[in-house]
Amino acid sequence: MKSLIIFIFFSALAFSPVLAVSDFVPFTPQAPSANWADPRQQDGCEEASALMAMAWVRGEESLSAQEAEAEILRIVDYTQKKYGESPDLYVADVVTQIFYDYFDYDNVCLLYEVTPIKLEKYLKAGHLILAPTNGRALANPYFNPPGPDNHMVVLKDYDSKTLEFITNDPGTKRGENYRYHRDLLFAAIRAYPSGNHLPHLPQDEKTVIVVKKK
């Protein structure tokens, strides 16, 4: 009887579905209540991406529109008062101003000169990636044309069968689990400078943010 119980236990483990990181990352658009007329939310992709990552770190199951909007605006107001107004944030400033300072969370690092293989490696290790992109190059049909020039998305997983990155894209209410083909997303990755929609950095610097749980 004992051996039968052990067999059933390990059989259940073998056939139980494995939940990926993407199953546990709460989603919010950067304008949670669709208030896109608010310039803070129009440019709130970095704040929304960081908020989703921190909700995942804390093990939260969801983000209501009301609480997400309030938190995004608190982040914007905090960083603007302390560091000055900057609609766009360079990846290093997202780390220091939002993660280190606002959230007081330091298990975050920059990953330089990324490749698709590097991205896949970190995702399969159970981490999140916040990727700055040329939003127009993403060609998301749900963006208001022509799409954001500078845009940050959360990479949650990689589907090796379809060659797609699974993301939470805050640029649209339909951004939860939105899939981008590997080649398209990688080509769109580029670190943009902090400021008011300044020209992008030379050579399309491919630096991303890696967020890990403690």
Protein backbone atom coordinates (compact mmCIF):
# COMPACT_ATOMS: atom_id res chain seq x y z
CA MET A 1 0.00 0.00 0.00
CA LYS A 2 2.84 2.38 0.88
CA SER A 3 4.53 1.85 -2.48
CA LEU A 4 1.23 2.55 -4.25
CA ILE A 5 0.85 5.89 -2.43
CA ILE A 6 4.41 6.88 -3.36
CA PHE A 7 3.76 5.94 -6.99
CA ILE A 8 0.57 8.01 -7.09
CA PHE A 9 2.37 10.99 -5.49
CA PHE A 10 5.21 11.06 -7.99
CA SER A 11 2.84 10.39 -10.88
CA ALA A 12 0.82 13.44 -9.85
CA LEU A 13 3.99 15.53 -9.80
CA ALA A 14 4.98 14.30 -13.22
CA PHE A 15 1.67 15.26 -14.81
CA SER A 16 0.95 18.46 -12.87
CA PRO A 17 1.16 21.59 -15.03
CA VAL A 18 4.25 23.69 -14.42
CA LEU A 19 3.32 27.30 -13.86
CA ALA A 20 5.66 29.77 -15.52
CA VAL A 21 6.66 33.16 -14.15
CA SER A 22 4.19 34.66 -16.63
CA ASP A 23 1.31 33.12 -14.66
CA PHE A 24 2.14 35.23 -11.61
CA VAL A 25 2.79 38.74 -12.90
CA PRO A 26 -0.17 41.08 -12.28
CA PHE A 27 -0.97 43.33 -15.22
CA THR A 28 -1.85 46.99 -15.50
CA PRO A 29 -1.79 49.38 -18.43
CA GLN A 30 -0.01 52.66 -17.81
CA ALA A 31 -3.40 54.40 -17.95
CA PRO A 32 -5.38 51.93 -15.79
CA SER A 33 -8.64 53.89 -15.97
CA ALA A 34 -8.08 54.81 -19.64
CA ASN A 35 -7.20 58.40 -18.72
CA TRP A 36 -4.77 58.76 -21.61
CA ALA A 37 -5.23 62.53 -21.62
CA ASP A 38 -3.10 62.70 -18.47
CA PRO A 39 0.50 63.23 -19.70
CA ARG A 40 1.83 61.44 -16.61
CA GLN A 41 0.05 58.30 -17.74
CA GLN A 42 0.83 58.81 -21.41
CA ASP A 43 4.49 58.56 -20.43
CA GLY A 44 3.99 56.15 -17.53
CA CYS A 45 5.31 52.95 -19.12
CA GLU A 46 8.41 52.82 -16.90
CA GLU A 47 6.36 53.39 -13.74
CA ALA A 48 3.73 50.83 -14.76
CA SER A 49 6.39 48.26 -15.69
CA ALA A 50 8.16 48.71 -12.37
CA LEU A 51 4.85 48.46 -10.53
CA MET A 52 4.01 45.15 -12.23
CA ALA A 53 7.45 43.82 -11.37
CA MET A 54 7.10 44.80 -7.72
CA ALA A 55 3.62 43.28 -7.51
CA TRP A 56 5.21 40.04 -8.73
CA VAL A 57 8.05 40.34 -6.21
CA ARG A 58 5.50 40.76 -3.40
CA GLY A 59 3.38 37.84 -4.55
CA GLU A 60 0.32 39.96 -5.28
CA GLU A 61 -2.34 38.28 -7.39
CA SER A 62 -3.76 41.31 -9.15
CA LEU A 63 -3.75 45.10 -9.45
CA SER A 64 -7.05 46.96 -9.51
CA ALA A 65 -7.31 49.92 -11.86
CA GLN A 66 -7.84 52.27 -8.94
CA GLU A 67 -4.82 51.16 -6.92
CA ALA A 68 -2.59 50.88 -10.00
CA GLU A 69 -3.43 54.39 -11.18
CA ALA A 70 -2.87 55.84 -7.71
CA GLU A 71 0.51 54.12 -7.39
CA ILE A 72 1.69 55.10 -10.87
CA LEU A 73 0.89 58.73 -10.12
CA ARG A 74 2.62 58.52 -6.73
CA ILE A 75 5.77 57.21 -8.41
CA VAL A 76 5.68 59.98 -11.03
CA ASP A 77 5.10 62.70 -8.43
CA TYR A 78 7.83 61.34 -6.16
CA THR A 79 10.52 61.10 -8.84
CA GLN A 80 9.62 64.46 -10.39
CA LYS A 81 9.84 66.26 -7.06
CA LYS A 82 13.13 64.61 -6.14
CA TYR A 83 14.88 64.29 -9.49
CA GLY A 84 13.08 66.72 -11.76
CA GLU A 85 10.49 66.20 -14.47
CA SER A 86 11.45 63.50 -16.95
CA PRO A 87 8.70 61.87 -19.03
CA ASP A 88 11.19 59.25 -20.26
CA LEU A 89 13.59 57.42 -17.94
CA TYR A 90 16.86 55.77 -18.93
CA VAL A 91 17.11 52.19 -17.65
CA ALA A 92 19.71 53.12 -15.00
CA ASP A 93 17.40 55.85 -13.71
CA VAL A 94 14.49 53.41 -13.53
CA VAL A 95 16.68 51.22 -11.33
CA THR A 96 17.97 53.97 -9.02
CA GLN A 97 14.95 56.29 -8.85
CA ILE A 98 12.07 53.82 -8.87
CA PHE A 99 13.37 50.47 -7.63
CA TYR A 100 16.15 51.53 -5.25
CA ASP A 101 14.66 54.79 -4.03
CA TYR A 102 10.87 54.67 -4.30
CA PHE A 103 10.32 50.94 -3.71
CA ASP A 104 13.46 50.43 -1.57
CA TYR A 105 14.16 47.21 -3.50
CA ASP A 106 17.67 46.34 -4.60
CA ASN A 107 17.50 42.88 -6.17
CA VAL A 108 17.57 44.55 -9.57
CA CYS A 109 20.42 44.92 -12.05
CA LEU A 110 21.22 46.13 -15.54
CA LEU A 111 22.06 43.62 -18.25
CA TYR A 112 24.21 45.06 -21.01
CA GLU A 113 24.60 44.04 -24.65
CA VAL A 114 21.75 41.58 -24.52
CA THR A 115 21.07 38.93 -27.13
CA PRO A 116 17.93 36.84 -27.59
CA ILE A 117 19.76 33.93 -25.95
CA LYS A 118 20.64 36.05 -22.90
CA LEU A 119 17.05 37.20 -22.57
CA GLU A 120 15.76 33.65 -22.77
CA LYS A 121 18.31 32.48 -20.20
CA TYR A 122 17.26 35.02 -17.58
CA LEU A 123 13.57 34.42 -18.18
CA LYS A 124 13.96 30.65 -17.88
CA ALA A 125 15.83 31.23 -14.61
CA GLY A 126 12.62 32.73 -13.23
CA HIS A 127 13.42 36.44 -13.46
CA LEU A 128 11.60 39.35 -15.07
CA ILE A 129 13.08 41.66 -17.68
CA LEU A 130 12.06 45.27 -18.26
CA ALA A 131 13.02 46.18 -21.80
CA PRO A 132 13.19 49.72 -23.22
CA THR A 133 12.11 49.77 -26.84
CA ASN A 134 11.31 51.78 -29.90
CA GLY A 135 7.59 51.36 -29.38
CA ARG A 136 6.75 52.09 -33.00
CA ALA A 137 8.96 49.22 -34.13
CA LEU A 138 6.86 46.85 -32.01
CA ALA A 139 3.99 47.41 -34.48
CA ASN A 140 1.38 46.64 -31.83
CA PRO A 141 -2.03 47.03 -33.53
CA TYR A 142 -3.59 48.19 -30.26
CA PHE A 143 -1.34 51.23 -29.88
CA ASN A 144 -2.73 54.60 -30.85
CA PRO A 145 -0.95 55.19 -34.20
CA PRO A 146 1.89 55.65 -34.78
CA GLY A 147 2.67 54.28 -31.32
CA PRO A 148 5.07 55.53 -28.63
CA ASP A 149 8.59 56.38 -29.72
CA ASN A 150 10.07 55.36 -26.36
CA HIS A 151 8.32 52.52 -24.57
CA MET A 152 9.09 49.97 -21.84
CA VAL A 153 7.59 46.48 -21.64
CA VAL A 154 7.84 43.62 -19.15
CA LEU A 155 9.19 40.33 -20.50
CA LYS A 156 7.81 37.40 -18.51
CA ASP A 157 8.63 34.26 -20.46
CA TYR A 158 9.80 32.86 -23.77
CA ASP A 159 7.95 30.32 -25.90
CA SER A 160 10.61 28.32 -27.72
CA LYS A 161 8.00 26.61 -29.90
CA THR A 162 6.60 29.78 -31.40
CA LEU A 163 9.78 31.87 -30.93
CA GLU A 164 7.79 34.51 -29.05
CA PHE A 165 8.44 36.56 -25.94
CA ILE A 166 5.45 36.70 -23.59
CA THR A 167 5.05 40.20 -22.19
CA ASN A 168 2.96 42.49 -20.08
CA ASP A 169 2.81 45.55 -22.31
CA PRO A 170 1.47 48.59 -20.42
CA GLY A 171 0.86 50.52 -23.64
CA THR A 172 -2.57 48.94 -24.14
CA LYS A 173 -5.34 47.46 -22.01
CA ARG A 174 -4.90 44.34 -24.14
CA GLY A 175 -1.25 44.05 -23.16
CA GLU A 176 -1.48 41.16 -20.69
CA ASN A 177 0.40 38.11 -22.00
CA TYR A 178 0.92 39.92 -25.30
CA ARG A 179 3.30 37.99 -27.55
CA TYR A 180 6.00 39.49 -29.71
CA HIS A 181 8.11 37.45 -32.10
CA ARG A 182 11.67 37.14 -30.87
CA ASP A 183 13.24 38.90 -33.84
CA LEU A 184 10.77 41.78 -33.84
CA LEU A 185 11.09 42.49 -30.12
CA PHE A 186 14.85 42.15 -30.04
CA ALA A 187 15.22 44.53 -32.98
CA ALA A 188 13.01 47.05 -31.17
CA ILE A 189 15.04 47.04 -27.93
CA ARG A 190 16.92 50.28 -27.45
CA ALA A 191 17.77 52.23 -24.32
CA TYR A 192 16.51 55.80 -24.51
CA PRO A 193 17.78 58.73 -22.40
CA SER A 194 15.99 60.37 -19.52
CA GLY A 195 14.29 63.59 -20.57
CA ASN A 196 11.43 64.90 -22.62
CA HIS A 197 11.42 62.58 -25.64
CA LEU A 198 15.06 63.17 -26.52
CA PRO A 199 16.72 61.47 -29.51
CA HIS A 200 17.55 57.88 -28.76
CA LEU A 201 21.05 56.81 -27.78
CA PRO A 202 23.58 55.98 -30.50
CA GLN A 203 23.84 52.47 -31.87
CA ASP A 204 20.53 51.44 -30.28
CA GLU A 205 22.06 50.46 -26.94
CA LYS A 206 20.56 47.13 -25.90
CA THR A 207 20.54 47.38 -22.11
CA VAL A 208 17.65 45.93 -20.09
CA ILE A 209 16.67 45.63 -16.42
CA VAL A 210 16.57 42.26 -14.66
CA VAL A 211 14.31 41.94 -11.61
CA LYS A 212 14.81 39.00 -9.25
CA LYS A 213 12.93 37.80 -6.22
CA LYS A 214 14.86 37.64 -2.95
